[in-house]
Every structure is written in C-alpha cells, then in structure tokens.
Amino acid sequence: MEVIFENLLNIQWQQVVMWVIGAVLIYLAIKKDMEPTLLLPIGFGAILVNLPFSGAVTQLVDGVTEVGAIDTLFNAGIATELFPLLLFIGIGAMIDFTPLLTNPKMIFFGAAAQFGIFFTFSVAVLCGFDVKDAASIGIIGAADGPTSIFVANYFNSNYIGAIIVAAYSYMALVPIIQPFVIKRITTKKERMIRMDYSNRTVSKTTKILFPIIITVIAGLFAPRSVALVGFLMFGNLIRECGVLKSLSESAQKELANLITLLLGITIATKMQADQFLNLNTLLIMGLGLVAFIFDTVGGVLFAKVLNLFTKHKINPMVGAAGISAFPMSARVIHKIGLEEDKSNFLLMHAVSANVAGQIASAIAGGLIIGLLS
C-alpha cells in the first residue's frame, strides 16, 4: 500500500495529459479504424511510459541505472534503423509496380508530390528549428512512416516522438485532408477529365529487373537513399521473382505486422511527458499538416502545368496521389472521381502515381540526409 500511495503522490499533471493522449490514439485506432496497427501500440505505449517510476523506461533506482524494456527495443530497433528497414521489406512485398510500368510517366508525379517536404523544411527553419530538426520535421511530408523514423533517427532529432505521431496521424487523415485541398484548387471540369488506359502488358522479366535497376539508379544519384530504396526494392523482388511465394506472403503479413506493432510501442519512449509536452510539439503537428497539404498542392499543380503543353489531358487529382500514403491516397482520388462522374475510373492512374510516391519518398529522405550530412 505504501508503494501505491507513493506512486499516486508522484503523478504529475503532464503524465495525466499523456494518458489522455494515449487514450485518444487508442480510441481512434479501435473506434475509427485509423491506422490501428500503429496508433493502438503508440497510444498504449504513451500510457506505459508515463506511469510513475515506469519500469518500461530507463530509471535511476538507488543510484543504479535500470534500463527499461522499451528503451532496449529502441536502441536495438530504431537507433540502429533496423525496424524501419525491415518494415520497408514488407511494404515492398505488398506493392505491385505493374500500373507504374505500364504508364512510366507517372513517376514524375511521385517526385512532384514531395514538394511539401522541402517547403515545410524551409518553414521549419524560419520557425527557429535547428536545420537537422527542420529536415526531420519536413520529412513528415514524405507521407511515409518508416522514412520519417529513419531520417529523424539519423539526425538524432529531439522531436522524434512528435514527428512520428504527426506522420502517422496525418496518413490516417488522408481521406479527410486530400479531398478538402483538392476541391479548392481544382474545378469540377478538371476533376471530370477522363484518362485513357494503357493496354501494354508487362513481362515477368521487366518486373524482376525493375527493383534492381531502381536500386542501382538510386545508388548512383542519391547514395544515402540506398538503404531505404534498397530494402523497399528487395521486398518487391521477393514478390516478383516467383520462387519465394511463401516468403513474400510472410513479409507482407507476419513481418510487416510484427514490426509495425513493435515500432509503435517502441517509439513511445520518446513520448514521455517531459519530452513531448511543449509548444514545439504543437508546432510540429501544425507543420506536419502543412507538409501534407503542400504535397497534395504540388502534385495537383504539376499536373495542371503539364496540361498546358500536352494534347491528352491529365486529371489533376491524379497528381495528388503522388504522395507515399499507399494505397489510401489512390483510393481517395478514385472516390472523388466517381463522385464527379460515376463512369470515370481513375484508380489505375492514381495507383501508378501512388507507387511512384513510395519510391520518391525514400529517395527524398536519402537526398535530405545527403545534403545535410
């Protein structure tokens, strides 16, 4: 009873606030089905690490440092960049690059939709953040959780907890954010533009060579991106080679799910009240929203510019699918297209841009690291 009484006396209001934040994340995961595989463990972890004298995190007990289990996981899985890279193998195994290979020009939309990264980086610097922290904040615009973790950890950012929460929260909110932005920068006529489908077929050899060639090109032009791009492409090679079907399925399901759960609860070590509850966290959440908005704007405006010079018009909404939030963004664009015209199917075009965004976000993360290292 004395121990319980002592713990109750040591509860700080900041810890209670973090319990509430954790509860909200758990609610969104369960009730709203918003990125449950990640928001649920992050929410539970936020409660776990903010209990008084929590044994889950490193504590000084009678002059002796006792390393917590979550800190051990962080040092083994995130500080070494192991978890994000393993997760990229699973993501790569999930992606079918066929739509992109039948319409290669969509790769440019993946690049254009990374505009939010560099815009937000500039804004973060103007807001007073250190250059490397600003880069870590800007990478929220990659709309790619593993890339955000990889870059923030590489730069040893003081705000990695807030960055990860912002990245995954806004990814879950893509179905709300993107329609709102798109409908304000496009006309109904533009949203009703129809696009022809390519009848080209893609050979198995092409599908096998694609991840290898992309890795080599990334290595030559953005060496720092090789780990991210390479693991993503390795996962895709497992999928497409045709001789590792069981491993491909395991990478897509067991590996990806397990790493996502561990990643979520581990990142909570950076959500301890004394580190997380400050004005900079609120500012980072705001900048994360800016990053997602300008990713969408960049992709849409790029499509509009192309339409000035091309005979076959591109539906500008497809440009918005160039962010890395796969496959949510592609589905959102397809749904908006159907709302405007029930016979206008944009899914394949949107998926092409969306998978291009997966590659572009990893390369953008490598470029940021290379430029500031």
Protein backbone atom coordinates (compact mmCIF):
# COMPACT_ATOMS: atom_id res chain seq x y z
CA MET A 1 0.00 0.00 0.00
CA GLU A 2 2.89 2.37 0.76
CA VAL A 3 4.24 1.87 -2.76
CA ILE A 4 0.84 2.60 -4.32
CA PHE A 5 0.44 5.71 -2.14
CA GLU A 6 3.94 6.90 -3.09
CA ASN A 7 3.20 6.39 -6.81
CA LEU A 8 -0.06 8.32 -6.53
CA LEU A 9 1.77 11.21 -4.89
CA ASN A 10 4.30 11.25 -7.72
CA ILE A 11 1.76 11.50 -10.54
CA GLN A 12 2.25 14.78 -12.40
CA TRP A 13 -0.43 16.52 -14.42
CA GLN A 14 1.75 16.25 -17.53
CA GLN A 15 1.66 12.46 -17.20
CA VAL A 16 -2.12 12.54 -16.93
CA VAL A 17 -2.26 14.59 -20.14
CA MET A 18 -0.16 11.92 -21.87
CA TRP A 19 -2.57 9.24 -20.62
CA VAL A 20 -5.37 11.18 -22.25
CA ILE A 21 -3.38 11.50 -25.50
CA GLY A 22 -2.71 7.76 -25.40
CA ALA A 23 -6.40 7.05 -24.80
CA VAL A 24 -7.37 9.26 -27.75
CA LEU A 25 -4.97 7.39 -30.05
CA ILE A 26 -6.36 4.05 -28.87
CA TYR A 27 -9.91 5.34 -29.45
CA LEU A 28 -9.07 6.47 -32.99
CA ALA A 29 -7.45 3.10 -33.71
CA ILE A 30 -10.35 1.00 -32.43
CA LYS A 31 -13.46 3.11 -32.95
CA LYS A 32 -12.45 4.98 -36.12
CA ASP A 33 -10.17 2.28 -37.59
CA MET A 34 -7.44 4.89 -38.22
CA GLU A 35 -4.09 3.12 -38.76
CA PRO A 36 -4.92 0.68 -35.90
CA THR A 37 -1.77 -1.41 -36.24
CA LEU A 38 0.28 1.65 -35.33
CA LEU A 39 -1.89 4.13 -33.44
CA LEU A 40 -3.01 1.46 -30.95
CA PRO A 41 0.52 0.47 -29.84
CA ILE A 42 1.64 4.12 -29.85
CA GLY A 43 -1.34 5.05 -27.67
CA PHE A 44 -0.79 2.19 -25.25
CA GLY A 45 2.93 2.93 -25.18
CA ALA A 46 2.25 6.60 -24.34
CA ILE A 47 0.40 5.43 -21.22
CA LEU A 48 3.03 2.81 -20.39
CA VAL A 49 5.99 5.19 -20.36
CA ASN A 50 4.19 7.91 -18.40
CA LEU A 51 3.36 5.89 -15.31
CA PRO A 52 5.32 7.00 -12.22
CA PHE A 53 8.64 5.12 -11.98
CA SER A 54 7.66 3.04 -15.01
CA GLY A 55 9.90 0.03 -15.37
CA ALA A 56 9.32 0.12 -19.12
CA VAL A 57 11.74 3.05 -19.46
CA THR A 58 15.19 3.64 -18.04
CA GLN A 59 15.13 4.73 -14.38
CA LEU A 60 17.72 5.65 -11.76
CA VAL A 61 16.95 3.42 -8.76
CA ASP A 62 19.09 3.81 -5.63
CA GLY A 63 21.91 5.23 -7.71
CA VAL A 64 21.78 2.34 -10.19
CA THR A 65 20.58 2.81 -13.78
CA GLU A 66 17.98 0.22 -14.71
CA VAL A 67 17.43 0.10 -18.47
CA GLY A 68 13.77 -0.21 -19.42
CA ALA A 69 12.44 -2.76 -21.89
CA ILE A 70 11.14 -0.12 -24.30
CA ASP A 71 14.48 1.69 -24.28
CA THR A 72 16.17 -1.62 -25.06
CA LEU A 73 13.84 -2.08 -28.02
CA PHE A 74 14.53 1.49 -29.14
CA ASN A 75 18.28 1.02 -29.02
CA ALA A 76 18.06 -2.30 -30.85
CA GLY A 77 15.39 -1.49 -33.41
CA ILE A 78 15.20 2.24 -34.05
CA ALA A 79 18.57 3.67 -33.06
CA THR A 80 20.14 1.08 -35.38
CA GLU A 81 17.45 1.86 -38.05
CA LEU A 82 16.61 -1.86 -38.14
CA PHE A 83 12.82 -1.63 -37.66
CA PRO A 84 12.16 0.95 -40.43
CA LEU A 85 14.28 -1.00 -42.90
CA LEU A 86 12.66 -4.35 -42.09
CA LEU A 87 9.26 -2.69 -42.46
CA PHE A 88 10.29 -1.46 -45.91
CA ILE A 89 10.84 -5.08 -46.96
CA GLY A 90 7.24 -5.83 -46.03
CA ILE A 91 5.96 -2.72 -47.82
CA GLY A 92 7.95 -3.57 -50.93
CA ALA A 93 6.45 -7.06 -50.95
CA MET A 94 2.96 -5.53 -50.88
CA ILE A 95 3.46 -3.24 -53.86
CA ASP A 96 2.62 -4.20 -57.42
CA PHE A 97 4.51 -1.82 -59.72
CA THR A 98 2.65 -3.02 -62.83
CA PRO A 99 0.43 0.11 -63.11
CA LEU A 100 3.55 2.29 -62.98
CA LEU A 101 5.41 0.16 -65.51
CA THR A 102 2.52 0.43 -67.96
CA ASN A 103 2.50 4.21 -67.53
CA PRO A 104 6.09 5.25 -66.62
CA LYS A 105 5.46 8.99 -66.87
CA MET A 106 3.61 8.73 -63.55
CA ILE A 107 6.99 8.58 -61.83
CA PHE A 108 7.16 12.38 -62.21
CA PHE A 109 4.01 12.78 -60.12
CA GLY A 110 5.70 10.87 -57.32
CA ALA A 111 8.52 13.40 -57.45
CA ALA A 112 6.23 16.45 -57.68
CA ALA A 113 4.20 15.36 -54.66
CA GLN A 114 7.30 15.55 -52.45
CA PHE A 115 7.16 19.35 -52.69
CA GLY A 116 5.69 19.50 -49.18
CA ILE A 117 8.91 18.08 -47.71
CA PHE A 118 11.12 20.92 -48.94
CA PHE A 119 8.51 23.62 -48.38
CA THR A 120 7.94 22.53 -44.78
CA PHE A 121 11.69 22.21 -44.19
CA SER A 122 12.07 25.88 -45.19
CA VAL A 123 9.15 26.94 -42.98
CA ALA A 124 10.55 24.95 -40.01
CA VAL A 125 13.90 26.74 -40.35
CA LEU A 126 12.10 30.08 -40.37
CA CYS A 127 10.24 28.98 -37.24
CA GLY A 128 13.57 28.66 -35.43
CA PHE A 129 14.21 24.93 -35.56
CA ASP A 130 17.75 23.64 -35.97
CA VAL A 131 18.47 22.70 -39.60
CA LYS A 132 18.57 18.96 -38.87
CA ASP A 133 15.44 19.09 -36.75
CA ALA A 134 13.79 21.10 -39.53
CA ALA A 135 14.77 18.39 -42.05
CA SER A 136 13.32 15.72 -39.76
CA ILE A 137 10.08 17.71 -39.49
CA GLY A 138 9.93 18.32 -43.23
CA ILE A 139 10.19 14.61 -43.97
CA ILE A 140 6.72 14.20 -42.44
CA GLY A 141 5.70 15.33 -45.93
CA ALA A 142 7.02 12.04 -47.29
CA ALA A 143 3.72 10.60 -46.00
CA ASP A 144 5.79 7.55 -45.18
CA GLY A 145 6.21 6.48 -41.56
CA PRO A 146 9.39 4.38 -41.94
CA THR A 147 11.12 7.16 -43.89
CA SER A 148 10.16 9.70 -41.21
CA ILE A 149 11.55 7.45 -38.49
CA PHE A 150 14.71 6.71 -40.47
CA VAL A 151 15.55 10.37 -41.14
CA ALA A 152 14.57 11.70 -37.69
CA ASN A 153 16.64 9.00 -36.03
CA TYR A 154 19.60 9.57 -38.38
CA PHE A 155 19.70 13.23 -37.35
CA ASN A 156 19.08 12.30 -33.70
CA SER A 157 16.17 14.73 -33.63
CA ASN A 158 14.91 15.88 -30.27
CA TYR A 159 11.36 15.65 -31.58
CA ILE A 160 11.22 12.13 -33.00
CA GLY A 161 8.14 11.23 -30.92
CA ALA A 162 6.12 14.21 -32.16
CA ILE A 163 7.33 13.65 -35.73
CA ILE A 164 6.20 10.03 -35.80
CA VAL A 165 2.82 10.79 -34.20
CA ALA A 166 2.28 13.59 -36.74
CA ALA A 167 3.35 11.44 -39.70
CA TYR A 168 1.06 8.51 -38.93
CA SER A 169 -1.84 10.64 -37.69
CA TYR A 170 -1.96 12.63 -40.92
CA MET A 171 -1.54 9.48 -43.01
CA ALA A 172 -4.69 8.20 -41.32
CA LEU A 173 -6.37 11.52 -42.11
CA VAL A 174 -5.56 11.44 -45.85
CA PRO A 175 -9.24 10.68 -46.71
CA ILE A 176 -10.14 13.97 -44.99
CA ILE A 177 -7.20 16.21 -45.88
CA GLN A 178 -6.83 15.45 -49.59
CA PRO A 179 -10.46 15.90 -50.72
CA PHE A 180 -10.63 19.21 -48.83
CA VAL A 181 -7.47 20.53 -50.51
CA ILE A 182 -8.16 19.11 -53.99
CA LYS A 183 -11.64 20.58 -54.26
CA ARG A 184 -10.26 24.02 -53.51
CA ILE A 185 -7.54 24.05 -56.14
CA THR A 186 -9.36 22.28 -59.00
CA THR A 187 -12.53 22.96 -60.95
CA LYS A 188 -15.34 20.47 -61.46
CA LYS A 189 -14.39 20.33 -65.14
CA GLU A 190 -10.81 19.37 -64.24
CA ARG A 191 -12.00 16.71 -61.79
CA MET A 192 -14.11 15.15 -64.57
CA ILE A 193 -11.21 14.74 -67.01
CA ARG A 194 -11.07 11.18 -68.33
CA MET A 195 -7.79 9.42 -68.96
CA ASP A 196 -7.15 6.57 -71.36
CA TYR A 197 -5.84 3.28 -70.04
CA SER A 198 -2.75 1.68 -71.47
CA ASN A 199 -3.17 -1.80 -72.96
CA ARG A 200 0.52 -2.56 -72.58
CA THR A 201 1.48 -5.74 -70.82
CA VAL A 202 4.46 -6.05 -68.52
CA SER A 203 6.66 -9.11 -68.75
CA LYS A 204 7.89 -11.01 -65.72
CA THR A 205 11.47 -10.14 -66.69
CA THR A 206 10.63 -6.43 -66.57
CA LYS A 207 9.05 -6.80 -63.14
CA ILE A 208 12.17 -8.56 -61.86
CA LEU A 209 14.60 -6.10 -63.40
CA PHE A 210 12.68 -3.02 -62.22
CA PRO A 211 13.59 -3.19 -58.48
CA ILE A 212 17.22 -3.97 -59.34
CA ILE A 213 17.52 -1.07 -61.79
CA ILE A 214 15.79 1.39 -59.43
CA THR A 215 18.20 0.43 -56.64
CA VAL A 216 21.22 0.98 -58.88
CA ILE A 217 19.93 4.35 -60.14
CA ALA A 218 19.15 5.50 -56.59
CA GLY A 219 22.61 4.42 -55.50
CA LEU A 220 24.27 6.44 -58.25
CA PHE A 221 22.22 9.63 -57.87
CA ALA A 222 21.32 9.59 -54.16
CA PRO A 223 23.67 7.19 -52.33
CA ARG A 224 22.18 8.00 -48.93
CA SER A 225 18.83 6.64 -50.10
CA VAL A 226 20.20 3.18 -50.90
CA ALA A 227 19.22 1.64 -47.56
CA LEU A 228 15.62 2.85 -47.84
CA VAL A 229 15.17 2.26 -51.56
CA GLY A 230 17.18 -0.96 -51.50
CA PHE A 231 15.11 -2.62 -48.78
CA LEU A 232 11.89 -1.48 -50.43
CA MET A 233 13.01 -2.89 -53.77
CA PHE A 234 14.32 -6.08 -52.15
CA GLY A 235 10.85 -6.72 -50.76
CA ASN A 236 9.39 -6.15 -54.21
CA LEU A 237 11.94 -8.51 -55.78
CA ILE A 238 10.86 -11.22 -53.33
CA ARG A 239 7.31 -10.66 -54.55
CA GLU A 240 8.07 -10.69 -58.26
CA CYS A 241 10.74 -13.38 -58.54
CA GLY A 242 8.10 -16.13 -58.41
CA VAL A 243 10.20 -18.62 -56.42
CA LEU A 244 9.72 -17.18 -52.92
CA LYS A 245 5.94 -17.04 -52.66
CA SER A 246 5.76 -18.14 -49.01
CA LEU A 247 8.48 -15.65 -48.02
CA SER A 248 6.69 -12.90 -49.93
CA GLU A 249 3.45 -13.63 -48.08
CA SER A 250 5.30 -13.73 -44.76
CA ALA A 251 6.94 -10.38 -45.50
CA GLN A 252 3.57 -8.82 -46.37
CA LYS A 253 1.77 -10.19 -43.34
CA GLU A 254 3.74 -11.53 -40.39
CA LEU A 255 6.90 -9.44 -40.83
CA ALA A 256 5.14 -6.16 -41.63
CA ASN A 257 2.55 -6.58 -38.86
CA LEU A 258 5.05 -7.60 -36.18
CA ILE A 259 7.50 -4.83 -36.98
CA THR A 260 4.69 -2.25 -37.10
CA LEU A 261 3.48 -3.28 -33.63
CA LEU A 262 7.00 -3.20 -32.17
CA LEU A 263 7.70 0.09 -33.90
CA GLY A 264 4.57 1.68 -32.45
CA ILE A 265 5.16 0.71 -28.84
CA THR A 266 8.90 1.39 -29.06
CA ILE A 267 8.56 4.93 -30.37
CA ALA A 268 6.56 5.70 -27.22
CA THR A 269 9.83 6.03 -25.31
CA LYS A 270 10.11 9.46 -26.98
CA MET A 271 6.63 10.37 -25.77
CA GLN A 272 7.49 10.82 -22.11
CA ALA A 273 5.73 13.90 -20.79
CA ASP A 274 8.87 15.95 -20.12
CA GLN A 275 9.98 15.49 -23.76
CA PHE A 276 6.64 15.57 -25.55
CA LEU A 277 4.53 18.26 -23.89
CA ASN A 278 5.88 21.56 -25.15
CA LEU A 279 4.98 24.25 -27.67
CA ASN A 280 7.34 22.76 -30.25
CA THR A 281 5.25 19.58 -30.33
CA LEU A 282 2.16 21.62 -31.23
CA LEU A 283 4.19 23.48 -33.84
CA ILE A 284 5.42 20.20 -35.33
CA MET A 285 1.85 18.91 -35.57
CA GLY A 286 0.93 22.10 -37.43
CA LEU A 287 3.93 21.84 -39.74
CA GLY A 288 3.06 18.21 -40.44
CA LEU A 289 -0.34 19.31 -41.68
CA VAL A 290 1.34 21.96 -43.84
CA ALA A 291 3.58 19.26 -45.32
CA PHE A 292 0.62 17.04 -46.30
CA ILE A 293 -1.30 19.97 -47.75
CA PHE A 294 1.59 21.14 -49.91
CA ASP A 295 2.38 17.59 -51.04
CA THR A 296 -1.14 17.49 -52.45
CA VAL A 297 -0.87 21.00 -53.91
CA GLY A 298 2.49 20.19 -55.53
CA GLY A 299 1.14 17.10 -57.29
CA VAL A 300 -2.03 18.80 -58.50
CA LEU A 301 -0.27 21.93 -59.78
CA PHE A 302 2.33 19.82 -61.60
CA ALA A 303 -0.49 18.05 -63.48
CA LYS A 304 -2.07 21.40 -64.32
CA VAL A 305 1.20 22.70 -65.75
CA LEU A 306 1.61 19.56 -67.88
CA ASN A 307 -1.90 20.04 -69.24
CA LEU A 308 -0.80 23.36 -70.73
CA PHE A 309 1.57 21.52 -73.06
CA THR A 310 0.00 18.10 -73.67
CA LYS A 311 -2.72 17.00 -76.06
CA HIS A 312 -4.05 14.23 -73.83
CA LYS A 313 -5.11 15.93 -70.62
CA ILE A 314 -4.30 14.54 -67.20
CA ASN A 315 -6.83 14.66 -64.40
CA PRO A 316 -5.04 16.94 -61.88
CA MET A 317 -6.33 14.87 -58.97
CA VAL A 318 -4.03 12.04 -60.05
CA GLY A 319 -1.07 14.27 -59.19
CA ALA A 320 -2.23 14.33 -55.57
CA ALA A 321 -1.87 10.54 -55.42
CA GLY A 322 1.89 11.00 -55.81
CA ILE A 323 2.30 11.08 -52.03
CA SER A 324 3.56 7.91 -50.39
CA ALA A 325 0.40 7.10 -48.39
CA PHE A 326 -0.23 3.85 -50.26
CA PRO A 327 -2.89 2.79 -51.12
CA MET A 328 -5.08 5.28 -49.22
CA SER A 329 -4.37 8.24 -51.49
CA ALA A 330 -5.12 6.29 -54.68
CA ARG A 331 -8.45 5.16 -53.25
CA VAL A 332 -9.31 8.73 -52.22
CA ILE A 333 -8.64 10.06 -55.73
CA HIS A 334 -10.68 7.27 -57.29
CA LYS A 335 -13.57 8.00 -54.93
CA ILE A 336 -13.56 11.74 -55.70
CA GLY A 337 -13.52 10.94 -59.42
CA LEU A 338 -16.59 8.74 -59.05
CA GLU A 339 -18.37 11.46 -57.10
CA GLU A 340 -17.97 13.81 -60.06
CA ASP A 341 -18.66 11.23 -62.76
CA LYS A 342 -19.81 7.71 -61.87
CA SER A 343 -18.23 6.27 -65.00
CA ASN A 344 -14.81 7.91 -64.60
CA PHE A 345 -12.46 5.30 -63.16
CA LEU A 346 -9.13 6.80 -62.08
CA LEU A 347 -7.93 4.02 -59.80
CA MET A 348 -5.17 2.57 -62.02
CA HIS A 349 -3.77 6.02 -62.84
CA ALA A 350 -3.88 7.01 -59.18
CA VAL A 351 -2.21 3.76 -58.12
CA SER A 352 0.57 4.41 -60.66
CA ALA A 353 1.28 7.80 -59.10
CA ASN A 354 0.91 6.37 -55.59
CA VAL A 355 3.51 3.63 -56.01
CA ALA A 356 5.80 6.18 -57.66
CA GLY A 357 5.43 8.19 -54.47
CA GLN A 358 6.72 5.23 -52.46
CA ILE A 359 9.97 5.33 -54.42
CA ALA A 360 10.18 9.12 -54.49
CA SER A 361 9.69 9.48 -50.73
CA ALA A 362 12.56 7.10 -49.98
CA ILE A 363 14.82 8.92 -52.43
CA ALA A 364 13.77 12.29 -50.97
CA GLY A 365 14.70 11.04 -47.49
CA GLY A 366 18.12 9.99 -48.79
CA LEU A 367 18.60 13.34 -50.54
CA ILE A 368 17.80 15.24 -47.34
CA ILE A 369 20.34 13.14 -45.42
CA GLY A 370 22.95 13.55 -48.14
CA LEU A 371 22.52 17.32 -48.36
CA LEU A 372 22.80 17.91 -44.62
CA SER A 373 25.38 15.29 -43.65
